Amino acid sequence: AEQQGSRAAALADPTRLMLADALERSGGELCVCDLSWIAERSENLVSHHLRRLRADGLVSSRRDGKMAMYSLTDSGRDLLRAVL
C-alpha cells in the first residue's frame, strides 16, 4: 500500500503528470530537452521531476551518448491511464 501511495503521490504534481502524459503521447522516448520544451519548464526542474518519477518506478531511463532518454514503464503507463 505504501508503494502504491508513493506512486500516486508522484503523479499528484501537475508538472510530473504533464511529463508522464507527454511520454505516453510520444509513444516512445524523450530526452530532458524535449520534455523541457513541451512542459515549458527549465531542464533542471524537469530533471528533478523525472528523478522522482524514476525513483517510484514510473519512468525508466537509458543513456544515448550524452543524453538521457526517458520512457514510461508499464506500471507508469497503467497508473497514468487510471489517473486520466
C-alpha atoms as a PDB file:
ATOM      1  CA  ALA A   1       0.000   0.000   0.000  1.00  0.00           C
ATOM      2  CA  GLU A   2       2.871   2.383   0.772  1.00  0.00           C
ATOM      3  CA  GLN A   3       4.436   1.837  -2.631  1.00  0.00           C
ATOM      4  CA  GLN A   4       1.134   2.455  -4.423  1.00  0.00           C
ATOM      5  CA  GLY A   5       0.553   5.583  -2.332  1.00  0.00           C
ATOM      6  CA  SER A   6       4.006   6.907  -3.176  1.00  0.00           C
ATOM      7  CA  ARG A   7       3.429   6.255  -6.873  1.00  0.00           C
ATOM      8  CA  ALA A   8       0.073   8.000  -6.809  1.00  0.00           C
ATOM      9  CA  ALA A   9       1.627  10.943  -4.975  1.00  0.00           C
ATOM     10  CA  ALA A  10       4.303  11.183  -7.665  1.00  0.00           C
ATOM     11  CA  LEU A  11       1.606  11.868 -10.259  1.00  0.00           C
ATOM     12  CA  ALA A  12      -0.255  14.281  -7.977  1.00  0.00           C
ATOM     13  CA  ASP A  13       2.124  17.072  -9.005  1.00  0.00           C
ATOM     14  CA  PRO A  14       0.880  18.864 -12.161  1.00  0.00           C
ATOM     15  CA  THR A  15       4.351  19.051 -13.733  1.00  0.00           C
ATOM     16  CA  ARG A  16       5.050  15.347 -13.190  1.00  0.00           C
ATOM     17  CA  LEU A  17       1.614  14.474 -14.532  1.00  0.00           C
ATOM     18  CA  MET A  18       2.322  16.597 -17.624  1.00  0.00           C
ATOM     19  CA  LEU A  19       5.698  14.903 -18.140  1.00  0.00           C
ATOM     20  CA  ALA A  20       4.193  11.425 -17.814  1.00  0.00           C
ATOM     21  CA  ASP A  21       1.436  12.349 -20.257  1.00  0.00           C
ATOM     22  CA  ALA A  22       3.995  13.705 -22.748  1.00  0.00           C
ATOM     23  CA  LEU A  23       5.949  10.450 -22.527  1.00  0.00           C
ATOM     24  CA  GLU A  24       2.768   8.447 -23.069  1.00  0.00           C
ATOM     25  CA  ARG A  25       1.729  10.540 -26.072  1.00  0.00           C
ATOM     26  CA  SER A  26       5.192  10.275 -27.624  1.00  0.00           C
ATOM     27  CA  GLY A  27       4.807   6.518 -27.788  1.00  0.00           C
ATOM     28  CA  GLY A  28       8.486   6.098 -27.090  1.00  0.00           C
ATOM     29  CA  GLU A  29      11.317   8.037 -25.549  1.00  0.00           C
ATOM     30  CA  LEU A  30      12.025  11.702 -24.999  1.00  0.00           C
ATOM     31  CA  CYS A  31      15.099  13.492 -23.704  1.00  0.00           C
ATOM     32  CA  VAL A  32      15.097  16.138 -20.986  1.00  0.00           C
ATOM     33  CA  CYS A  33      15.458  18.920 -23.547  1.00  0.00           C
ATOM     34  CA  ASP A  34      12.322  17.772 -25.411  1.00  0.00           C
ATOM     35  CA  LEU A  35      10.349  17.381 -22.188  1.00  0.00           C
ATOM     36  CA  SER A  36      11.543  20.795 -21.055  1.00  0.00           C
ATOM     37  CA  TRP A  37      10.239  22.350 -24.262  1.00  0.00           C
ATOM     38  CA  ILE A  38       6.892  20.531 -24.009  1.00  0.00           C
ATOM     39  CA  ALA A  39       6.376  21.403 -20.332  1.00  0.00           C
ATOM     40  CA  GLU A  40       7.721  24.948 -20.723  1.00  0.00           C
ATOM     41  CA  ARG A  41       9.898  24.388 -17.655  1.00  0.00           C
ATOM     42  CA  SER A  42      13.662  24.572 -17.147  1.00  0.00           C
ATOM     43  CA  GLU A  43      15.728  21.468 -17.838  1.00  0.00           C
ATOM     44  CA  ASN A  44      16.865  21.445 -14.196  1.00  0.00           C
ATOM     45  CA  LEU A  45      13.276  21.373 -12.960  1.00  0.00           C
ATOM     46  CA  VAL A  46      12.307  18.668 -15.465  1.00  0.00           C
ATOM     47  CA  SER A  47      15.302  16.564 -14.381  1.00  0.00           C
ATOM     48  CA  HIS A  48      14.247  16.962 -10.753  1.00  0.00           C
ATOM     49  CA  HIS A  49      10.722  15.721 -11.503  1.00  0.00           C
ATOM     50  CA  LEU A  50      11.993  12.850 -13.657  1.00  0.00           C
ATOM     51  CA  ARG A  51      14.198  11.679 -10.771  1.00  0.00           C
ATOM     52  CA  ARG A  52      11.084  11.408  -8.589  1.00  0.00           C
ATOM     53  CA  LEU A  53       9.178   9.506 -11.278  1.00  0.00           C
ATOM     54  CA  ARG A  54      12.142   7.177 -11.804  1.00  0.00           C
ATOM     55  CA  ALA A  55      12.538   6.587  -8.054  1.00  0.00           C
ATOM     56  CA  ASP A  56       8.910   5.450  -7.894  1.00  0.00           C
ATOM     57  CA  GLY A  57       9.351   3.132 -10.870  1.00  0.00           C
ATOM     58  CA  LEU A  58       7.051   5.093 -13.182  1.00  0.00           C
ATOM     59  CA  VAL A  59       9.768   6.146 -15.646  1.00  0.00           C
ATOM     60  CA  SER A  60      12.876   4.398 -16.906  1.00  0.00           C
ATOM     61  CA  SER A  61      15.920   5.975 -18.472  1.00  0.00           C
ATOM     62  CA  ARG A  62      18.830   4.986 -20.654  1.00  0.00           C
ATOM     63  CA  ARG A  63      21.912   6.825 -21.849  1.00  0.00           C
ATOM     64  CA  ASP A  64      22.315   7.666 -25.516  1.00  0.00           C
ATOM     65  CA  GLY A  65      25.699   9.320 -25.716  1.00  0.00           C
ATOM     66  CA  LYS A  66      25.477  12.403 -23.517  1.00  0.00           C
ATOM     67  CA  MET A  67      21.680  12.425 -23.457  1.00  0.00           C
ATOM     68  CA  ALA A  68      19.399  10.531 -21.105  1.00  0.00           C
ATOM     69  CA  MET A  69      16.304   9.170 -22.803  1.00  0.00           C
ATOM     70  CA  TYR A  70      13.175   8.649 -20.702  1.00  0.00           C
ATOM     71  CA  SER A  71      10.134   6.438 -21.219  1.00  0.00           C
ATOM     72  CA  LEU A  72       7.186   5.317 -19.131  1.00  0.00           C
ATOM     73  CA  THR A  73       7.334   1.908 -17.504  1.00  0.00           C
ATOM     74  CA  ASP A  74       4.356  -0.410 -17.742  1.00  0.00           C
ATOM     75  CA  SER A  75       3.328   0.487 -14.187  1.00  0.00           C
ATOM     76  CA  GLY A  76       3.713   4.184 -15.005  1.00  0.00           C
ATOM     77  CA  ARG A  77       1.503   3.778 -18.054  1.00  0.00           C
ATOM     78  CA  ASP A  78      -1.139   1.876 -16.063  1.00  0.00           C
ATOM     79  CA  LEU A  79      -1.206   4.458 -13.285  1.00  0.00           C
ATOM     80  CA  LEU A  80      -1.351   7.345 -15.737  1.00  0.00           C
ATOM     81  CA  ARG A  81      -4.333   5.787 -17.510  1.00  0.00           C
ATOM     82  CA  ALA A  82      -6.069   5.292 -14.153  1.00  0.00           C
ATOM     83  CA  VAL A  83      -5.488   8.947 -13.248  1.00  0.00           C
ATOM     84  CA  LEU A  84      -6.549  10.358 -16.596  1.00  0.00           C
END
